Amino acid sequence: MYAVRMTYVDRITIEPGKRGGKPCIRGLRITVYDMLDYLASGMTEQQILHDFPDLEAADIRACLQFAADRERRLVSIPPE
């Protein structure tokens, strides 16, 4: 069984006047970077959702998908 790939286009927004044009969650002032930093520091999804009641679980998954797509598009440097 294959998982349905979610899309982040409705959840990740970029507005020039908000947070310096960094990708944010649904127009809020929480950036994708902030979310990844919270997860990397060991916060659980439940802790994040408790601390930020405006967020939804799908927002966290959208940040991860956005980061994965961005990483996939980076140009690799060939070995010398």
C-alpha atoms as a PDB file:
ATOM      1  CA  MET A   1       0.000   0.000   0.000  1.00  0.00           C
ATOM      2  CA  TYR A   2       1.341   3.399  -0.974  1.00  0.00           C
ATOM      3  CA  ALA A   3       0.980   6.497   1.160  1.00  0.00           C
ATOM      4  CA  VAL A   4      -0.760   9.453  -0.400  1.00  0.00           C
ATOM      5  CA  ARG A   5       1.738  12.246  -0.800  1.00  0.00           C
ATOM      6  CA  MET A   6       0.454  15.396   0.794  1.00  0.00           C
ATOM      7  CA  THR A   7       0.977  18.760  -0.774  1.00  0.00           C
ATOM      8  CA  TYR A   8       2.197  21.723   1.191  1.00  0.00           C
ATOM      9  CA  VAL A   9       1.191  24.457  -1.272  1.00  0.00           C
ATOM     10  CA  ASP A  10      -1.896  25.418   0.747  1.00  0.00           C
ATOM     11  CA  ARG A  11      -0.042  25.434   4.043  1.00  0.00           C
ATOM     12  CA  ILE A  12       3.373  26.988   3.344  1.00  0.00           C
ATOM     13  CA  THR A  13       3.210  30.639   2.335  1.00  0.00           C
ATOM     14  CA  ILE A  14       5.835  33.173   1.364  1.00  0.00           C
ATOM     15  CA  GLU A  15       5.035  36.844   1.848  1.00  0.00           C
ATOM     16  CA  PRO A  16       7.749  39.466   1.230  1.00  0.00           C
ATOM     17  CA  GLY A  17       6.708  41.598   4.234  1.00  0.00           C
ATOM     18  CA  LYS A  18       6.423  38.759   6.735  1.00  0.00           C
ATOM     19  CA  ARG A  19       9.464  37.277   8.486  1.00  0.00           C
ATOM     20  CA  GLY A  20      11.752  38.590   5.753  1.00  0.00           C
ATOM     21  CA  GLY A  21      10.053  36.553   3.044  1.00  0.00           C
ATOM     22  CA  LYS A  22      10.881  33.231   4.685  1.00  0.00           C
ATOM     23  CA  PRO A  23       8.452  30.332   4.151  1.00  0.00           C
ATOM     24  CA  CYS A  24       5.802  30.447   6.899  1.00  0.00           C
ATOM     25  CA  ILE A  25       2.922  28.243   7.968  1.00  0.00           C
ATOM     26  CA  ARG A  26      -0.461  29.427   6.646  1.00  0.00           C
ATOM     27  CA  GLY A  27       0.464  33.087   6.811  1.00  0.00           C
ATOM     28  CA  LEU A  28       1.311  32.863  10.510  1.00  0.00           C
ATOM     29  CA  ARG A  29       4.599  34.197  11.787  1.00  0.00           C
ATOM     30  CA  ILE A  30       5.944  30.668  12.373  1.00  0.00           C
ATOM     31  CA  THR A  31       8.534  29.758   9.757  1.00  0.00           C
ATOM     32  CA  VAL A  32       9.354  26.356   8.342  1.00  0.00           C
ATOM     33  CA  TYR A  33      12.812  26.843   9.864  1.00  0.00           C
ATOM     34  CA  ASP A  34      11.253  27.433  13.307  1.00  0.00           C
ATOM     35  CA  MET A  35       9.262  24.212  13.006  1.00  0.00           C
ATOM     36  CA  LEU A  36      12.268  22.171  11.884  1.00  0.00           C
ATOM     37  CA  ASP A  37      14.281  23.650  14.748  1.00  0.00           C
ATOM     38  CA  TYR A  38      11.608  22.660  17.281  1.00  0.00           C
ATOM     39  CA  LEU A  39      11.534  19.109  15.929  1.00  0.00           C
ATOM     40  CA  ALA A  40      15.332  18.878  15.826  1.00  0.00           C
ATOM     41  CA  SER A  41      15.531  20.042  19.449  1.00  0.00           C
ATOM     42  CA  GLY A  42      13.409  17.049  20.449  1.00  0.00           C
ATOM     43  CA  MET A  43       9.960  18.602  20.803  1.00  0.00           C
ATOM     44  CA  THR A  44       7.198  16.169  19.979  1.00  0.00           C
ATOM     45  CA  GLU A  45       4.302  16.949  17.677  1.00  0.00           C
ATOM     46  CA  GLN A  46       2.020  17.031  20.721  1.00  0.00           C
ATOM     47  CA  GLN A  47       4.260  19.539  22.528  1.00  0.00           C
ATOM     48  CA  ILE A  48       4.384  21.815  19.488  1.00  0.00           C
ATOM     49  CA  LEU A  49       0.619  21.692  19.009  1.00  0.00           C
ATOM     50  CA  HIS A  50       0.127  22.436  22.724  1.00  0.00           C
ATOM     51  CA  ASP A  51       2.517  25.424  22.624  1.00  0.00           C
ATOM     52  CA  PHE A  52       1.070  26.768  19.350  1.00  0.00           C
ATOM     53  CA  PRO A  53      -2.709  26.194  19.381  1.00  0.00           C
ATOM     54  CA  ASP A  54      -3.144  27.835  15.950  1.00  0.00           C
ATOM     55  CA  LEU A  55      -1.162  24.995  14.357  1.00  0.00           C
ATOM     56  CA  GLU A  56      -2.487  21.664  13.114  1.00  0.00           C
ATOM     57  CA  ALA A  57      -0.703  18.340  12.733  1.00  0.00           C
ATOM     58  CA  ALA A  58      -0.893  18.748   8.953  1.00  0.00           C
ATOM     59  CA  ASP A  59       1.157  21.963   9.288  1.00  0.00           C
ATOM     60  CA  ILE A  60       4.035  20.002  10.801  1.00  0.00           C
ATOM     61  CA  ARG A  61       3.891  17.410   8.024  1.00  0.00           C
ATOM     62  CA  ALA A  62       3.768  20.213   5.444  1.00  0.00           C
ATOM     63  CA  CYS A  63       6.987  21.680   6.866  1.00  0.00           C
ATOM     64  CA  LEU A  64       8.706  18.314   6.624  1.00  0.00           C
ATOM     65  CA  GLN A  65       7.499  17.828   3.049  1.00  0.00           C
ATOM     66  CA  PHE A  66       8.616  21.345   2.096  1.00  0.00           C
ATOM     67  CA  ALA A  67      12.074  20.701   3.551  1.00  0.00           C
ATOM     68  CA  ALA A  68      12.324  17.326   1.791  1.00  0.00           C
ATOM     69  CA  ASP A  69      11.392  18.865  -1.562  1.00  0.00           C
ATOM     70  CA  ARG A  70      13.863  21.688  -1.049  1.00  0.00           C
ATOM     71  CA  GLU A  71      16.638  19.229  -0.196  1.00  0.00           C
ATOM     72  CA  ARG A  72      15.800  17.119  -3.235  1.00  0.00           C
ATOM     73  CA  ARG A  73      16.208  20.163  -5.498  1.00  0.00           C
ATOM     74  CA  LEU A  74      19.640  21.154  -4.186  1.00  0.00           C
ATOM     75  CA  VAL A  75      22.431  20.705  -6.669  1.00  0.00           C
ATOM     76  CA  SER A  76      24.957  18.089  -5.651  1.00  0.00           C
ATOM     77  CA  ILE A  77      28.636  18.727  -6.108  1.00  0.00           C
ATOM     78  CA  PRO A  78      30.225  15.832  -7.998  1.00  0.00           C
ATOM     79  CA  PRO A  79      33.156  14.106  -6.263  1.00  0.00           C
ATOM     80  CA  GLU A  80      36.611  15.135  -7.443  1.00  0.00           C
END
